[in-house]
Amino acid sequence: MTPMRWLAMLGAALALVGCATAPPFDAETVDTAVTPRGALERLPEAEGQRVLWGGTIIETRNLQDATQIEILAYPLNERQRPDTNANPLGRFLAVQPGYLERVEYAAGRHISVLGPLKEKAEGRIGEAEYVYPVVSIEQLELWPVPGPPRDTQPRFHFGVGVGIHR
């Protein structure tokens, strides 16, 4: 193989690698088998264990020194984005020190969070009592809102245009 061909192949390979997107979190120290429902059974022994969970935001509450996000959990895909076509895995609370804008972190948005389990918190869903596992956010990814579906139909125009102007 000539040096020019080798350099061209190396350049093409580097260009393709540069286009690949990596997942936003380093999940090597995370037990991905732990779900919000499973974590409730393991607390308080599992307190401090790092988890990577994601889902759909139900509500965002600004507290005095932190922001609390209630999330309906879903399994994460290979990009660590919630797969909302799967069955939900329960709810959890994610707590971020400081202020997060409620309009930006609105109900219906998809989010993934990485952080240690803290404790259980009691709350209500409608009239029912509910116990949430709480995650202290170390890192989060608020996923972009999908745009409108694109028209994938090809468009071809044939013909002769005739116009009359007065």
N, C-alpha and C. Protein backbone atom coordinates (compact mmCIF):
# COMPACT_ATOMS: atom_id res chain seq x y z
N MET A 1 0.85 -1.17 0.00
CA MET A 1 0.00 0.00 0.00
C MET A 1 0.90 1.23 0.00
N THR A 2 0.58 2.16 -0.85
CA THR A 2 1.39 3.37 -0.97
C THR A 2 1.13 4.28 0.23
N PRO A 3 2.11 5.11 0.56
CA PRO A 3 1.92 6.03 1.70
C PRO A 3 0.73 6.97 1.50
N MET A 4 0.49 7.41 0.27
CA MET A 4 -0.64 8.32 0.03
C MET A 4 -1.97 7.62 0.28
N ARG A 5 -2.09 6.39 -0.17
CA ARG A 5 -3.33 5.64 0.03
C ARG A 5 -3.53 5.39 1.54
N TRP A 6 -2.44 5.06 2.23
CA TRP A 6 -2.52 4.81 3.66
C TRP A 6 -2.96 6.07 4.40
N LEU A 7 -2.40 7.22 4.03
CA LEU A 7 -2.79 8.49 4.66
C LEU A 7 -4.25 8.84 4.36
N ALA A 8 -4.69 8.56 3.13
CA ALA A 8 -6.08 8.84 2.77
C ALA A 8 -7.03 7.98 3.60
N MET A 9 -6.70 6.71 3.78
CA MET A 9 -7.56 5.83 4.57
C MET A 9 -7.56 6.24 6.04
N LEU A 10 -6.40 6.63 6.55
CA LEU A 10 -6.30 7.10 7.93
C LEU A 10 -7.13 8.37 8.13
N GLY A 11 -7.04 9.30 7.18
CA GLY A 11 -7.82 10.54 7.26
C GLY A 11 -9.31 10.27 7.22
N ALA A 12 -9.75 9.35 6.36
CA ALA A 12 -11.17 9.00 6.29
C ALA A 12 -11.64 8.37 7.60
N ALA A 13 -10.83 7.49 8.17
CA ALA A 13 -11.20 6.85 9.43
C ALA A 13 -11.31 7.87 10.55
N LEU A 14 -10.37 8.80 10.63
CA LEU A 14 -10.42 9.83 11.66
C LEU A 14 -11.63 10.74 11.48
N ALA A 15 -11.98 11.04 10.24
CA ALA A 15 -13.15 11.88 9.98
C ALA A 15 -14.42 11.19 10.44
N LEU A 16 -14.52 9.88 10.21
CA LEU A 16 -15.71 9.15 10.64
C LEU A 16 -15.78 9.05 12.16
N VAL A 17 -14.67 8.83 12.82
CA VAL A 17 -14.65 8.77 14.28
C VAL A 17 -15.03 10.13 14.86
N GLY A 18 -14.61 11.20 14.24
CA GLY A 18 -14.93 12.54 14.72
C GLY A 18 -16.42 12.84 14.64
N CYS A 19 -17.15 12.16 13.76
CA CYS A 19 -18.58 12.38 13.61
C CYS A 19 -19.40 11.58 14.61
N ALA A 20 -18.83 10.56 15.21
CA ALA A 20 -19.56 9.72 16.15
C ALA A 20 -19.78 10.48 17.45
N THR A 21 -20.99 10.36 17.99
CA THR A 21 -21.28 11.02 19.26
C THR A 21 -21.21 9.99 20.38
N ALA A 22 -20.59 10.36 21.45
CA ALA A 22 -20.47 9.49 22.61
C ALA A 22 -21.64 9.75 23.54
N PRO A 23 -22.03 8.76 24.34
CA PRO A 23 -23.05 9.02 25.35
C PRO A 23 -22.57 10.12 26.29
N PRO A 24 -23.50 10.89 26.86
CA PRO A 24 -23.11 12.03 27.69
C PRO A 24 -22.51 11.66 29.05
N PHE A 25 -22.71 10.43 29.52
CA PHE A 25 -22.26 10.05 30.85
C PHE A 25 -21.24 8.92 30.78
N ASP A 26 -20.32 8.91 31.74
CA ASP A 26 -19.41 7.79 31.92
C ASP A 26 -20.09 6.85 32.91
N ALA A 27 -20.63 5.75 32.41
CA ALA A 27 -21.44 4.85 33.23
C ALA A 27 -20.67 3.65 33.75
N GLU A 28 -19.34 3.72 33.74
CA GLU A 28 -18.54 2.58 34.18
C GLU A 28 -18.72 2.27 35.66
N THR A 29 -18.95 3.25 36.49
CA THR A 29 -19.09 3.03 37.93
C THR A 29 -20.54 2.94 38.37
N VAL A 30 -21.44 2.67 37.41
CA VAL A 30 -22.87 2.66 37.69
C VAL A 30 -23.40 1.24 37.49
N ASP A 31 -24.26 0.79 38.41
CA ASP A 31 -24.94 -0.48 38.25
C ASP A 31 -26.23 -0.21 37.47
N THR A 32 -26.22 -0.50 36.18
CA THR A 32 -27.37 -0.17 35.32
C THR A 32 -28.56 -1.09 35.56
N ALA A 33 -28.39 -2.16 36.34
CA ALA A 33 -29.50 -3.06 36.62
C ALA A 33 -30.43 -2.52 37.71
N VAL A 34 -29.98 -1.53 38.46
CA VAL A 34 -30.79 -0.96 39.55
C VAL A 34 -31.81 0.00 38.96
N THR A 35 -33.09 -0.28 39.22
CA THR A 35 -34.18 0.59 38.77
C THR A 35 -34.71 1.37 39.97
N PRO A 36 -35.52 2.39 39.74
CA PRO A 36 -36.10 3.10 40.88
C PRO A 36 -36.89 2.19 41.82
N ARG A 37 -37.68 1.27 41.26
CA ARG A 37 -38.43 0.34 42.13
C ARG A 37 -37.48 -0.56 42.92
N GLY A 38 -36.45 -1.06 42.25
CA GLY A 38 -35.48 -1.92 42.92
C GLY A 38 -34.69 -1.18 43.98
N ALA A 39 -34.40 0.08 43.74
CA ALA A 39 -33.63 0.87 44.70
C ALA A 39 -34.39 1.06 46.00
N LEU A 40 -35.71 1.19 45.92
CA LEU A 40 -36.51 1.36 47.14
C LEU A 40 -36.35 0.17 48.07
N GLU A 41 -36.24 -1.03 47.50
CA GLU A 41 -36.08 -2.23 48.31
C GLU A 41 -34.70 -2.29 48.96
N ARG A 42 -33.72 -1.62 48.36
CA ARG A 42 -32.33 -1.71 48.83
C ARG A 42 -31.91 -0.54 49.71
N LEU A 43 -32.75 0.50 49.81
CA LEU A 43 -32.41 1.62 50.69
C LEU A 43 -32.76 1.25 52.12
N PRO A 44 -32.02 1.66 53.11
CA PRO A 44 -30.92 2.62 53.12
C PRO A 44 -29.55 2.00 52.83
N GLU A 45 -29.48 0.65 52.69
CA GLU A 45 -28.18 0.02 52.45
C GLU A 45 -27.51 0.53 51.17
N ALA A 46 -28.31 0.85 50.15
CA ALA A 46 -27.77 1.28 48.86
C ALA A 46 -27.48 2.78 48.81
N GLU A 47 -27.69 3.48 49.91
CA GLU A 47 -27.44 4.92 49.93
C GLU A 47 -26.00 5.21 49.53
N GLY A 48 -25.82 6.15 48.62
CA GLY A 48 -24.49 6.50 48.11
C GLY A 48 -24.14 5.78 46.82
N GLN A 49 -24.89 4.73 46.47
CA GLN A 49 -24.63 4.02 45.21
C GLN A 49 -24.99 4.92 44.04
N ARG A 50 -24.09 5.01 43.05
CA ARG A 50 -24.35 5.87 41.89
C ARG A 50 -25.27 5.16 40.91
N VAL A 51 -26.26 5.90 40.41
CA VAL A 51 -27.21 5.37 39.44
C VAL A 51 -27.26 6.30 38.23
N LEU A 52 -27.66 5.75 37.11
CA LEU A 52 -27.90 6.51 35.88
C LEU A 52 -29.31 6.19 35.45
N TRP A 53 -30.21 7.13 35.66
CA TRP A 53 -31.62 6.95 35.35
C TRP A 53 -32.08 8.10 34.46
N GLY A 54 -33.17 7.85 33.77
CA GLY A 54 -33.75 8.89 32.94
C GLY A 54 -35.23 8.64 32.75
N GLY A 55 -35.89 9.64 32.19
CA GLY A 55 -37.32 9.50 31.94
C GLY A 55 -37.94 10.81 31.51
N THR A 56 -39.22 10.91 31.78
CA THR A 56 -40.01 12.08 31.42
C THR A 56 -40.27 12.91 32.67
N ILE A 57 -40.01 14.20 32.58
CA ILE A 57 -40.25 15.09 33.72
C ILE A 57 -41.75 15.19 33.96
N ILE A 58 -42.14 14.95 35.22
CA ILE A 58 -43.53 15.10 35.64
C ILE A 58 -43.75 16.50 36.20
N GLU A 59 -42.82 16.94 37.06
CA GLU A 59 -42.94 18.26 37.68
C GLU A 59 -41.57 18.72 38.17
N THR A 60 -41.35 20.02 38.12
CA THR A 60 -40.13 20.63 38.65
C THR A 60 -40.52 21.60 39.75
N ARG A 61 -39.89 21.45 40.91
CA ARG A 61 -40.19 22.32 42.06
C ARG A 61 -38.92 23.06 42.48
N ASN A 62 -39.02 24.37 42.58
CA ASN A 62 -37.91 25.16 43.09
C ASN A 62 -38.07 25.29 44.60
N LEU A 63 -37.10 24.72 45.33
CA LEU A 63 -37.09 24.77 46.78
C LEU A 63 -36.19 25.92 47.22
N GLN A 64 -36.01 26.09 48.51
CA GLN A 64 -35.22 27.23 49.00
C GLN A 64 -33.78 27.20 48.49
N ASP A 65 -33.11 26.05 48.56
CA ASP A 65 -31.70 25.97 48.16
C ASP A 65 -31.44 24.99 47.03
N ALA A 66 -32.48 24.40 46.46
CA ALA A 66 -32.29 23.35 45.46
C ALA A 66 -33.50 23.29 44.53
N THR A 67 -33.35 22.52 43.48
CA THR A 67 -34.46 22.25 42.58
C THR A 67 -34.72 20.75 42.61
N GLN A 68 -35.99 20.39 42.75
CA GLN A 68 -36.38 18.98 42.80
C GLN A 68 -37.19 18.66 41.55
N ILE A 69 -36.77 17.60 40.84
CA ILE A 69 -37.44 17.20 39.61
C ILE A 69 -38.06 15.82 39.84
N GLU A 70 -39.38 15.72 39.64
CA GLU A 70 -40.06 14.43 39.71
C GLU A 70 -40.05 13.84 38.31
N ILE A 71 -39.56 12.59 38.19
CA ILE A 71 -39.34 11.97 36.88
C ILE A 71 -39.99 10.60 36.84
N LEU A 72 -40.72 10.31 35.76
CA LEU A 72 -41.23 8.97 35.48
C LEU A 72 -40.14 8.25 34.70
N ALA A 73 -39.55 7.23 35.31
CA ALA A 73 -38.36 6.57 34.76
C ALA A 73 -38.71 5.61 33.63
N TYR A 74 -37.81 5.56 32.64
CA TYR A 74 -37.88 4.60 31.54
C TYR A 74 -36.49 4.00 31.36
N PRO A 75 -36.40 2.82 30.74
CA PRO A 75 -35.07 2.29 30.42
C PRO A 75 -34.34 3.26 29.50
N LEU A 76 -33.01 3.25 29.56
CA LEU A 76 -32.20 4.12 28.70
C LEU A 76 -31.72 3.33 27.49
N ASN A 77 -31.65 4.00 26.35
CA ASN A 77 -31.12 3.35 25.15
C ASN A 77 -29.59 3.45 25.15
N GLU A 78 -28.97 3.04 24.05
CA GLU A 78 -27.50 3.02 23.98
C GLU A 78 -26.89 4.42 24.07
N ARG A 79 -27.67 5.46 23.79
CA ARG A 79 -27.18 6.84 23.91
C ARG A 79 -27.51 7.43 25.28
N GLN A 80 -28.07 6.60 26.16
CA GLN A 80 -28.46 6.98 27.52
C GLN A 80 -29.65 7.93 27.53
N ARG A 81 -30.44 7.86 26.49
CA ARG A 81 -31.67 8.65 26.38
C ARG A 81 -32.85 7.77 26.78
N PRO A 82 -33.85 8.30 27.48
CA PRO A 82 -35.00 7.49 27.89
C PRO A 82 -35.74 6.91 26.68
N ASP A 83 -36.07 5.62 26.76
CA ASP A 83 -36.84 4.94 25.72
C ASP A 83 -38.30 4.92 26.17
N THR A 84 -39.05 5.94 25.77
CA THR A 84 -40.43 6.09 26.24
C THR A 84 -41.40 5.13 25.55
N ASN A 85 -40.91 4.31 24.62
CA ASN A 85 -41.75 3.26 24.03
C ASN A 85 -41.78 2.03 24.93
N ALA A 86 -40.89 1.94 25.90
CA ALA A 86 -40.84 0.82 26.85
C ALA A 86 -41.77 1.10 28.03
N ASN A 87 -41.94 0.09 28.87
CA ASN A 87 -42.76 0.26 30.07
C ASN A 87 -42.02 1.11 31.10
N PRO A 88 -42.73 2.00 31.82
CA PRO A 88 -42.06 2.81 32.84
C PRO A 88 -41.54 1.95 33.99
N LEU A 89 -40.52 2.46 34.67
CA LEU A 89 -39.84 1.74 35.75
C LEU A 89 -40.13 2.32 37.12
N GLY A 90 -41.13 3.18 37.23
CA GLY A 90 -41.43 3.84 38.50
C GLY A 90 -41.00 5.30 38.45
N ARG A 91 -41.23 5.98 39.55
CA ARG A 91 -40.88 7.40 39.64
C ARG A 91 -39.72 7.58 40.60
N PHE A 92 -39.00 8.68 40.40
CA PHE A 92 -37.94 9.06 41.34
C PHE A 92 -37.83 10.57 41.38
N LEU A 93 -37.16 11.06 42.41
CA LEU A 93 -36.89 12.49 42.55
C LEU A 93 -35.41 12.71 42.32
N ALA A 94 -35.09 13.74 41.55
CA ALA A 94 -33.70 14.14 41.33
C ALA A 94 -33.55 15.54 41.90
N VAL A 95 -32.51 15.74 42.71
CA VAL A 95 -32.31 17.02 43.40
C VAL A 95 -31.00 17.65 42.93
N GLN A 96 -31.11 18.90 42.47
CA GLN A 96 -29.96 19.68 42.00
C GLN A 96 -29.79 20.88 42.93
N PRO A 97 -28.62 21.02 43.56
CA PRO A 97 -28.41 22.23 44.37
C PRO A 97 -28.53 23.47 43.49
N GLY A 98 -29.14 24.51 44.04
CA GLY A 98 -29.30 25.74 43.28
C GLY A 98 -30.60 25.77 42.50
N TYR A 99 -30.62 26.65 41.54
CA TYR A 99 -31.84 26.96 40.80
C TYR A 99 -31.77 26.42 39.38
N LEU A 100 -32.83 25.72 38.96
CA LEU A 100 -33.03 25.35 37.56
C LEU A 100 -34.34 25.98 37.11
N GLU A 101 -34.36 26.51 35.91
CA GLU A 101 -35.54 27.19 35.40
C GLU A 101 -36.66 26.18 35.12
N ARG A 102 -37.81 26.38 35.78
CA ARG A 102 -38.94 25.46 35.62
C ARG A 102 -39.47 25.44 34.19
N VAL A 103 -39.38 26.55 33.50
CA VAL A 103 -39.87 26.59 32.12
C VAL A 103 -39.00 25.70 31.23
N GLU A 104 -37.69 25.73 31.47
CA GLU A 104 -36.77 24.90 30.68
C GLU A 104 -36.92 23.42 31.05
N TYR A 105 -37.06 23.13 32.34
CA TYR A 105 -37.21 21.76 32.83
C TYR A 105 -38.71 21.48 33.04
N ALA A 106 -39.46 21.61 31.96
CA ALA A 106 -40.92 21.54 32.01
C ALA A 106 -41.42 20.10 31.93
N ALA A 107 -42.64 19.91 32.38
CA ALA A 107 -43.28 18.60 32.30
C ALA A 107 -43.30 18.14 30.84
N GLY A 108 -43.00 16.86 30.65
CA GLY A 108 -42.99 16.28 29.31
C GLY A 108 -41.62 16.20 28.68
N ARG A 109 -40.66 17.01 29.17
CA ARG A 109 -39.29 16.94 28.63
C ARG A 109 -38.61 15.65 29.07
N HIS A 110 -37.66 15.17 28.28
CA HIS A 110 -36.90 13.98 28.63
C HIS A 110 -35.57 14.39 29.25
N ILE A 111 -35.16 13.64 30.27
CA ILE A 111 -33.96 13.96 31.03
C ILE A 111 -33.27 12.67 31.45
N SER A 112 -31.96 12.71 31.56
CA SER A 112 -31.16 11.63 32.14
C SER A 112 -30.29 12.25 33.23
N VAL A 113 -30.17 11.54 34.36
CA VAL A 113 -29.37 12.06 35.48
C VAL A 113 -28.43 10.98 36.00
N LEU A 114 -27.28 11.42 36.47
CA LEU A 114 -26.28 10.54 37.08
C LEU A 114 -25.97 11.09 38.46
N GLY A 115 -25.98 10.21 39.47
CA GLY A 115 -25.65 10.65 40.81
C GLY A 115 -25.91 9.57 41.83
N PRO A 116 -25.54 9.84 43.08
CA PRO A 116 -25.74 8.85 44.14
C PRO A 116 -27.17 8.86 44.68
N LEU A 117 -27.62 7.67 45.10
CA LEU A 117 -28.89 7.56 45.81
C LEU A 117 -28.73 8.23 47.16
N LYS A 118 -29.76 8.99 47.57
CA LYS A 118 -29.70 9.65 48.87
C LYS A 118 -30.55 8.91 49.89
N GLU A 119 -31.84 8.99 49.71
CA GLU A 119 -32.76 8.40 50.67
C GLU A 119 -34.10 8.19 49.99
N LYS A 120 -35.10 7.83 50.80
CA LYS A 120 -36.48 7.74 50.32
C LYS A 120 -37.19 9.03 50.70
N ALA A 121 -38.15 9.41 49.89
CA ALA A 121 -38.99 10.57 50.22
C ALA A 121 -40.44 10.18 50.00
N GLU A 122 -41.30 10.61 50.90
CA GLU A 122 -42.72 10.31 50.77
C GLU A 122 -43.41 11.46 50.07
N GLY A 123 -44.37 11.11 49.23
CA GLY A 123 -45.14 12.11 48.52
C GLY A 123 -46.50 11.55 48.14
N ARG A 124 -47.18 12.28 47.28
CA ARG A 124 -48.51 11.85 46.84
C ARG A 124 -48.58 11.96 45.32
N ILE A 125 -49.29 11.00 44.74
CA ILE A 125 -49.66 11.06 43.33
C ILE A 125 -51.18 11.02 43.33
N GLY A 126 -51.79 12.17 43.09
CA GLY A 126 -53.23 12.26 43.25
C GLY A 126 -53.57 12.05 44.71
N GLU A 127 -54.43 11.07 45.00
CA GLU A 127 -54.81 10.75 46.37
C GLU A 127 -53.94 9.64 46.97
N ALA A 128 -53.12 9.00 46.16
CA ALA A 128 -52.32 7.86 46.62
C ALA A 128 -50.99 8.32 47.21
N GLU A 129 -50.58 7.66 48.29
CA GLU A 129 -49.26 7.92 48.86
C GLU A 129 -48.23 7.19 48.01
N TYR A 130 -47.05 7.78 47.87
CA TYR A 130 -46.00 7.19 47.04
C TYR A 130 -44.65 7.43 47.71
N VAL A 131 -43.76 6.44 47.62
CA VAL A 131 -42.41 6.57 48.16
C VAL A 131 -41.45 6.64 46.99
N TYR A 132 -40.63 7.69 46.96
CA TYR A 132 -39.69 7.93 45.87
C TYR A 132 -38.26 7.66 46.33
N PRO A 133 -37.44 7.04 45.48
CA PRO A 133 -36.00 7.10 45.73
C PRO A 133 -35.50 8.48 45.29
N VAL A 134 -34.52 9.02 45.99
CA VAL A 134 -34.01 10.36 45.69
C VAL A 134 -32.57 10.25 45.20
N VAL A 135 -32.28 10.92 44.08
CA VAL A 135 -30.94 10.95 43.50
C VAL A 135 -30.39 12.37 43.63
N SER A 136 -29.18 12.50 44.11
CA SER A 136 -28.49 13.79 44.15
C SER A 136 -27.77 13.95 42.81
N ILE A 137 -28.14 14.94 42.02
CA ILE A 137 -27.63 15.09 40.66
C ILE A 137 -26.16 15.52 40.67
N GLU A 138 -25.33 14.71 40.05
CA GLU A 138 -23.93 15.09 39.77
C GLU A 138 -23.82 15.60 38.34
N GLN A 139 -24.59 15.00 37.45
CA GLN A 139 -24.56 15.36 36.04
C GLN A 139 -25.95 15.10 35.47
N LEU A 140 -26.39 15.97 34.57
CA LEU A 140 -27.70 15.77 33.94
C LEU A 140 -27.63 16.11 32.47
N GLU A 141 -28.56 15.54 31.73
CA GLU A 141 -28.71 15.82 30.30
C GLU A 141 -30.18 16.06 30.05
N LEU A 142 -30.54 17.29 29.70
CA LEU A 142 -31.90 17.63 29.29
C LEU A 142 -31.93 17.47 27.79
N TRP A 143 -32.68 16.49 27.31
CA TRP A 143 -32.65 16.15 25.89
C TRP A 143 -33.44 17.17 25.07
N PRO A 144 -32.98 17.47 23.85
CA PRO A 144 -33.68 18.44 23.01
C PRO A 144 -35.10 17.97 22.70
N VAL A 145 -35.98 18.94 22.55
CA VAL A 145 -37.35 18.65 22.16
C VAL A 145 -37.33 18.26 20.68
N PRO A 146 -37.92 17.10 20.32
CA PRO A 146 -37.91 16.73 18.91
C PRO A 146 -38.70 17.73 18.08
N GLY A 147 -38.20 18.02 16.90
CA GLY A 147 -38.89 18.92 15.99
C GLY A 147 -40.06 18.23 15.32
N PRO A 148 -40.81 18.96 14.52
CA PRO A 148 -41.93 18.34 13.81
C PRO A 148 -41.41 17.29 12.84
N PRO A 149 -42.21 16.25 12.58
CA PRO A 149 -41.76 15.23 11.64
C PRO A 149 -41.53 15.82 10.26
N ARG A 150 -40.50 15.33 9.62
CA ARG A 150 -40.19 15.83 8.28
C ARG A 150 -40.99 15.07 7.24
N ASP A 151 -41.35 15.77 6.19
CA ASP A 151 -42.03 15.14 5.07
C ASP A 151 -40.99 14.36 4.28
N THR A 152 -41.14 13.04 4.29
CA THR A 152 -40.14 12.20 3.62
C THR A 152 -40.54 11.83 2.21
N GLN A 153 -41.66 12.35 1.75
CA GLN A 153 -42.10 12.04 0.39
C GLN A 153 -41.28 12.84 -0.61
N PRO A 154 -40.80 12.19 -1.66
CA PRO A 154 -40.06 12.95 -2.68
C PRO A 154 -41.01 13.89 -3.42
N ARG A 155 -40.49 15.00 -3.84
CA ARG A 155 -41.31 15.99 -4.56
C ARG A 155 -40.73 16.19 -5.95
N PHE A 156 -41.57 15.94 -6.92
CA PHE A 156 -41.18 16.14 -8.31
C PHE A 156 -42.20 17.07 -8.95
N HIS A 157 -41.73 17.95 -9.77
CA HIS A 157 -42.61 18.88 -10.46
C HIS A 157 -42.34 18.76 -11.95
N PHE A 158 -43.40 18.49 -12.69
CA PHE A 158 -43.30 18.41 -14.14
C PHE A 158 -44.35 19.34 -14.73
N GLY A 159 -44.12 19.77 -15.93
CA GLY A 159 -45.13 20.55 -16.62
C GLY A 159 -44.61 21.89 -17.08
N VAL A 160 -45.48 22.58 -17.76
CA VAL A 160 -45.16 23.89 -18.29
C VAL A 160 -46.08 24.87 -17.60
N GLY A 161 -45.51 25.91 -17.07
CA GLY A 161 -46.32 26.90 -16.38
C GLY A 161 -46.74 28.01 -17.33
N VAL A 162 -48.01 28.35 -17.29
CA VAL A 162 -48.53 29.43 -18.10
C VAL A 162 -49.25 30.38 -17.16
N GLY A 163 -48.94 31.63 -17.28
CA GLY A 163 -49.59 32.60 -16.42
C GLY A 163 -50.07 33.79 -17.23
N ILE A 164 -51.18 34.36 -16.79
CA ILE A 164 -51.73 35.55 -17.44
C ILE A 164 -51.77 36.64 -16.39
N HIS A 165 -51.17 37.77 -16.73
CA HIS A 165 -51.16 38.90 -15.81
C HIS A 165 -51.82 40.09 -16.47
N ARG A 166 -52.57 40.85 -15.74
CA ARG A 166 -53.20 42.05 -16.29
C ARG A 166 -52.52 43.26 -15.79
